[in-house]
Amino acid sequence: MAELHDASLPAGHLITVRKDGSALLNDGGELTPAAQNPWYVLATVYVEYDDL
């Protein structure tokens, strides 16, 4: 198990959100913006097209 940055917060709590949209979690995990995930972008475009 990874060490927590702040023991008073749960493991998945956001510690820092950076200017590029990425984020640092309390347990050291990293999140990237959904727009940088090609599978998310593809699914979003499909749903928008399907709604027409």
PDB file of N, CA and C in Angstrom:
ATOM      1  N   MET A   1       0.844  -1.183   0.000  1.00  0.00           N
ATOM      2  CA  MET A   1       0.000   0.000   0.000  1.00  0.00           C
ATOM      3  C   MET A   1       0.888   1.244   0.000  1.00  0.00           C
ATOM      4  N   ALA A   2       0.510   2.234  -0.796  1.00  0.00           N
ATOM      5  CA  ALA A   2       1.280   3.469  -0.896  1.00  0.00           C
ATOM      6  C   ALA A   2       1.062   4.336   0.344  1.00  0.00           C
ATOM      7  N   GLU A   3       2.068   5.107   0.666  1.00  0.00           N
ATOM      8  CA  GLU A   3       1.934   6.044   1.791  1.00  0.00           C
ATOM      9  C   GLU A   3       1.046   7.202   1.368  1.00  0.00           C
ATOM     10  N   LEU A   4       0.259   7.692   2.322  1.00  0.00           N
ATOM     11  CA  LEU A   4      -0.636   8.809   2.059  1.00  0.00           C
ATOM     12  C   LEU A   4       0.099  10.128   2.266  1.00  0.00           C
ATOM     13  N   HIS A   5      -0.239  11.102   1.442  1.00  0.00           N
ATOM     14  CA  HIS A   5       0.328  12.443   1.610  1.00  0.00           C
ATOM     15  C   HIS A   5      -0.225  13.105   2.869  1.00  0.00           C
ATOM     16  N   ASP A   6      -1.511  12.880   3.121  1.00  0.00           N
ATOM     17  CA  ASP A   6      -2.181  13.448   4.290  1.00  0.00           C
ATOM     18  C   ASP A   6      -3.005  12.338   4.935  1.00  0.00           C
ATOM     19  N   ALA A   7      -2.583  11.868   6.100  1.00  0.00           N
ATOM     20  CA  ALA A   7      -3.227  10.728   6.759  1.00  0.00           C
ATOM     21  C   ALA A   7      -4.662  11.011   7.182  1.00  0.00           C
ATOM     22  N   SER A   8      -5.065  12.266   7.234  1.00  0.00           N
ATOM     23  CA  SER A   8      -6.430  12.593   7.646  1.00  0.00           C
ATOM     24  C   SER A   8      -7.429  12.497   6.489  1.00  0.00           C
ATOM     25  N   LEU A   9      -6.941  12.271   5.270  1.00  0.00           N
ATOM     26  CA  LEU A   9      -7.795  12.188   4.092  1.00  0.00           C
ATOM     27  C   LEU A   9      -7.797  10.770   3.541  1.00  0.00           C
ATOM     28  N   PRO A  10      -8.883  10.342   2.866  1.00  0.00           N
ATOM     29  CA  PRO A  10      -8.920   9.000   2.284  1.00  0.00           C
ATOM     30  C   PRO A  10      -7.941   8.874   1.108  1.00  0.00           C
ATOM     31  N   ALA A  11      -7.648   7.639   0.728  1.00  0.00           N
ATOM     32  CA  ALA A  11      -6.641   7.371  -0.307  1.00  0.00           C
ATOM     33  C   ALA A  11      -6.951   8.041  -1.641  1.00  0.00           C
ATOM     34  N   GLY A  12      -8.185   8.065  -2.075  1.00  0.00           N
ATOM     35  CA  GLY A  12      -8.524   8.604  -3.388  1.00  0.00           C
ATOM     36  C   GLY A  12      -8.798  10.095  -3.424  1.00  0.00           C
ATOM     37  N   HIS A  13      -8.589  10.780  -2.332  1.00  0.00           N
ATOM     38  CA  HIS A  13      -8.880  12.214  -2.251  1.00  0.00           C
ATOM     39  C   HIS A  13      -7.919  13.009  -3.133  1.00  0.00           C
ATOM     40  N   LEU A  14      -8.436  14.015  -3.846  1.00  0.00           N
ATOM     41  CA  LEU A  14      -7.589  14.875  -4.679  1.00  0.00           C
ATOM     42  C   LEU A  14      -6.747  15.793  -3.797  1.00  0.00           C
ATOM     43  N   ILE A  15      -5.453  15.795  -4.053  1.00  0.00           N
ATOM     44  CA  ILE A  15      -4.547  16.663  -3.313  1.00  0.00           C
ATOM     45  C   ILE A  15      -4.270  17.928  -4.115  1.00  0.00           C
ATOM     46  N   THR A  16      -3.930  17.763  -5.381  1.00  0.00           N
ATOM     47  CA  THR A  16      -3.571  18.889  -6.229  1.00  0.00           C
ATOM     48  C   THR A  16      -4.153  18.700  -7.618  1.00  0.00           C
ATOM     49  N   VAL A  17      -4.740  19.752  -8.185  1.00  0.00           N
ATOM     50  CA  VAL A  17      -5.156  19.754  -9.580  1.00  0.00           C
ATOM     51  C   VAL A  17      -4.243  20.735 -10.289  1.00  0.00           C
ATOM     52  N   ARG A  18      -3.548  20.238 -11.291  1.00  0.00           N
ATOM     53  CA  ARG A  18      -2.555  21.053 -12.002  1.00  0.00           C
ATOM     54  C   ARG A  18      -3.203  21.856 -13.134  1.00  0.00           C
ATOM     55  N   LYS A  19      -2.466  22.823 -13.668  1.00  0.00           N
ATOM     56  CA  LYS A  19      -2.971  23.687 -14.734  1.00  0.00           C
ATOM     57  C   LYS A  19      -3.291  22.911 -16.005  1.00  0.00           C
ATOM     58  N   ASP A  20      -2.590  21.789 -16.251  1.00  0.00           N
ATOM     59  CA  ASP A  20      -2.848  21.004 -17.461  1.00  0.00           C
ATOM     60  C   ASP A  20      -4.056  20.087 -17.319  1.00  0.00           C
ATOM     61  N   GLY A  21      -4.709  20.097 -16.154  1.00  0.00           N
ATOM     62  CA  GLY A  21      -5.891  19.290 -15.921  1.00  0.00           C
ATOM     63  C   GLY A  21      -5.618  17.970 -15.235  1.00  0.00           C
ATOM     64  N   SER A  22      -4.358  17.587 -15.101  1.00  0.00           N
ATOM     65  CA  SER A  22      -4.032  16.355 -14.394  1.00  0.00           C
ATOM     66  C   SER A  22      -4.149  16.599 -12.894  1.00  0.00           C
ATOM     67  N   ALA A  23      -4.200  15.506 -12.133  1.00  0.00           N
ATOM     68  CA  ALA A  23      -4.387  15.651 -10.692  1.00  0.00           C
ATOM     69  C   ALA A  23      -3.567  14.615  -9.937  1.00  0.00           C
ATOM     70  N   LEU A  24      -3.199  14.945  -8.709  1.00  0.00           N
ATOM     71  CA  LEU A  24      -2.478  14.056  -7.806  1.00  0.00           C
ATOM     72  C   LEU A  24      -3.442  13.617  -6.714  1.00  0.00           C
ATOM     73  N   LEU A  25      -3.504  12.295  -6.486  1.00  0.00           N
ATOM     74  CA  LEU A  25      -4.355  11.747  -5.438  1.00  0.00           C
ATOM     75  C   LEU A  25      -3.569  11.592  -4.149  1.00  0.00           C
ATOM     76  N   ASN A  26      -4.254  11.468  -3.045  1.00  0.00           N
ATOM     77  CA  ASN A  26      -3.628  11.359  -1.731  1.00  0.00           C
ATOM     78  C   ASN A  26      -2.705  10.142  -1.629  1.00  0.00           C
ATOM     79  N   ASP A  27      -3.018   9.063  -2.341  1.00  0.00           N
ATOM     80  CA  ASP A  27      -2.193   7.857  -2.275  1.00  0.00           C
ATOM     81  C   ASP A  27      -1.057   7.857  -3.306  1.00  0.00           C
ATOM     82  N   GLY A  28      -0.847   8.971  -3.999  1.00  0.00           N
ATOM     83  CA  GLY A  28       0.225   9.090  -4.976  1.00  0.00           C
ATOM     84  C   GLY A  28      -0.205   8.778  -6.392  1.00  0.00           C
ATOM     85  N   GLY A  29      -1.447   8.380  -6.588  1.00  0.00           N
ATOM     86  CA  GLY A  29      -1.961   8.090  -7.924  1.00  0.00           C
ATOM     87  C   GLY A  29      -2.092   9.357  -8.750  1.00  0.00           C
ATOM     88  N   GLU A  30      -2.112   9.178 -10.052  1.00  0.00           N
ATOM     89  CA  GLU A  30      -2.232  10.300 -10.980  1.00  0.00           C
ATOM     90  C   GLU A  30      -3.508  10.155 -11.796  1.00  0.00           C
ATOM     91  N   LEU A  31      -4.189  11.253 -12.051  1.00  0.00           N
ATOM     92  CA  LEU A  31      -5.333  11.291 -12.938  1.00  0.00           C
ATOM     93  C   LEU A  31      -4.990  12.185 -14.119  1.00  0.00           C
ATOM     94  N   THR A  32      -5.441  11.802 -15.311  1.00  0.00           N
ATOM     95  CA  THR A  32      -5.256  12.629 -16.497  1.00  0.00           C
ATOM     96  C   THR A  32      -6.621  13.097 -16.979  1.00  0.00           C
ATOM     97  N   PRO A  33      -6.674  14.196 -17.694  1.00  0.00           N
ATOM     98  CA  PRO A  33      -7.952  14.682 -18.203  1.00  0.00           C
ATOM     99  C   PRO A  33      -8.585  13.658 -19.153  1.00  0.00           C
ATOM    100  N   ALA A  34      -9.897  13.537 -19.118  1.00  0.00           N
ATOM    101  CA  ALA A  34     -10.603  12.585 -19.976  1.00  0.00           C
ATOM    102  C   ALA A  34     -10.341  12.870 -21.452  1.00  0.00           C
ATOM    103  N   ALA A  35     -10.160  14.123 -21.813  1.00  0.00           N
ATOM    104  CA  ALA A  35      -9.929  14.481 -23.214  1.00  0.00           C
ATOM    105  C   ALA A  35      -8.609  13.930 -23.745  1.00  0.00           C
ATOM    106  N   GLN A  36      -7.724  13.491 -22.875  1.00  0.00           N
ATOM    107  CA  GLN A  36      -6.459  12.893 -23.303  1.00  0.00           C
ATOM    108  C   GLN A  36      -6.555  11.374 -23.434  1.00  0.00           C
ATOM    109  N   ASN A  37      -7.707  10.804 -23.113  1.00  0.00           N
ATOM    110  CA  ASN A  37      -7.919   9.366 -23.235  1.00  0.00           C
ATOM    111  C   ASN A  37      -8.628   9.103 -24.563  1.00  0.00           C
ATOM    112  N   PRO A  38      -7.937   8.479 -25.529  1.00  0.00           N
ATOM    113  CA  PRO A  38      -8.552   8.290 -26.856  1.00  0.00           C
ATOM    114  C   PRO A  38      -9.829   7.444 -26.822  1.00  0.00           C
ATOM    115  N   TRP A  39      -9.940   6.489 -25.910  1.00  0.00           N
ATOM    116  CA  TRP A  39     -11.153   5.663 -25.821  1.00  0.00           C
ATOM    117  C   TRP A  39     -12.342   6.498 -25.345  1.00  0.00           C
ATOM    118  N   TYR A  40     -12.108   7.401 -24.409  1.00  0.00           N
ATOM    119  CA  TYR A  40     -13.172   8.281 -23.931  1.00  0.00           C
ATOM    120  C   TYR A  40     -13.625   9.217 -25.050  1.00  0.00           C
ATOM    121  N   VAL A  41     -12.664   9.780 -25.774  1.00  0.00           N
ATOM    122  CA  VAL A  41     -12.988  10.694 -26.871  1.00  0.00           C
ATOM    123  C   VAL A  41     -13.791   9.966 -27.935  1.00  0.00           C
ATOM    124  N   LEU A  42     -13.371   8.755 -28.305  1.00  0.00           N
ATOM    125  CA  LEU A  42     -14.077   7.974 -29.311  1.00  0.00           C
ATOM    126  C   LEU A  42     -15.508   7.670 -28.860  1.00  0.00           C
ATOM    127  N   ALA A  43     -15.697   7.272 -27.615  1.00  0.00           N
ATOM    128  CA  ALA A  43     -17.031   6.970 -27.101  1.00  0.00           C
ATOM    129  C   ALA A  43     -17.903   8.218 -27.090  1.00  0.00           C
ATOM    130  N   THR A  44     -17.335   9.361 -26.748  1.00  0.00           N
ATOM    131  CA  THR A  44     -18.087  10.613 -26.708  1.00  0.00           C
ATOM    132  C   THR A  44     -18.538  11.007 -28.105  1.00  0.00           C
ATOM    133  N   VAL A  45     -17.659  10.888 -29.081  1.00  0.00           N
ATOM    134  CA  VAL A  45     -18.008  11.224 -30.462  1.00  0.00           C
ATOM    135  C   VAL A  45     -19.093  10.279 -30.968  1.00  0.00           C
ATOM    136  N   TYR A  46     -18.999   8.995 -30.636  1.00  0.00           N
ATOM    137  CA  TYR A  46     -20.003   8.021 -31.052  1.00  0.00           C
ATOM    138  C   TYR A  46     -21.376   8.372 -30.488  1.00  0.00           C
ATOM    139  N   VAL A  47     -21.435   8.700 -29.207  1.00  0.00           N
ATOM    140  CA  VAL A  47     -22.710   9.016 -28.587  1.00  0.00           C
ATOM    141  C   VAL A  47     -23.296  10.295 -29.188  1.00  0.00           C
ATOM    142  N   GLU A  48     -22.469  11.299 -29.421  1.00  0.00           N
ATOM    143  CA  GLU A  48     -22.961  12.542 -30.022  1.00  0.00           C
ATOM    144  C   GLU A  48     -23.499  12.284 -31.411  1.00  0.00           C
ATOM    145  N   TYR A  49     -22.822  11.450 -32.183  1.00  0.00           N
ATOM    146  CA  TYR A  49     -23.271  11.129 -33.538  1.00  0.00           C
ATOM    147  C   TYR A  49     -24.560  10.318 -33.488  1.00  0.00           C
ATOM    148  N   ASP A  50     -24.649   9.396 -32.540  1.00  0.00           N
ATOM    149  CA  ASP A  50     -25.808   8.520 -32.405  1.00  0.00           C
ATOM    150  C   ASP A  50     -27.057   9.314 -32.020  1.00  0.00           C
ATOM    151  N   ASP A  51     -26.904  10.422 -31.351  1.00  0.00           N
ATOM    152  CA  ASP A  51     -28.051  11.230 -30.908  1.00  0.00           C
ATOM    153  C   ASP A  51     -28.658  12.052 -32.037  1.00  0.00           C
ATOM    154  N   LEU A  52     -27.986  12.154 -33.161  1.00  0.00           N
ATOM    155  CA  LEU A  52     -28.515  12.985 -34.261  1.00  0.00           C
ATOM    156  C   LEU A  52     -29.722  12.386 -34.902  1.00  0.00           C
TER     157      LEU A  52
END
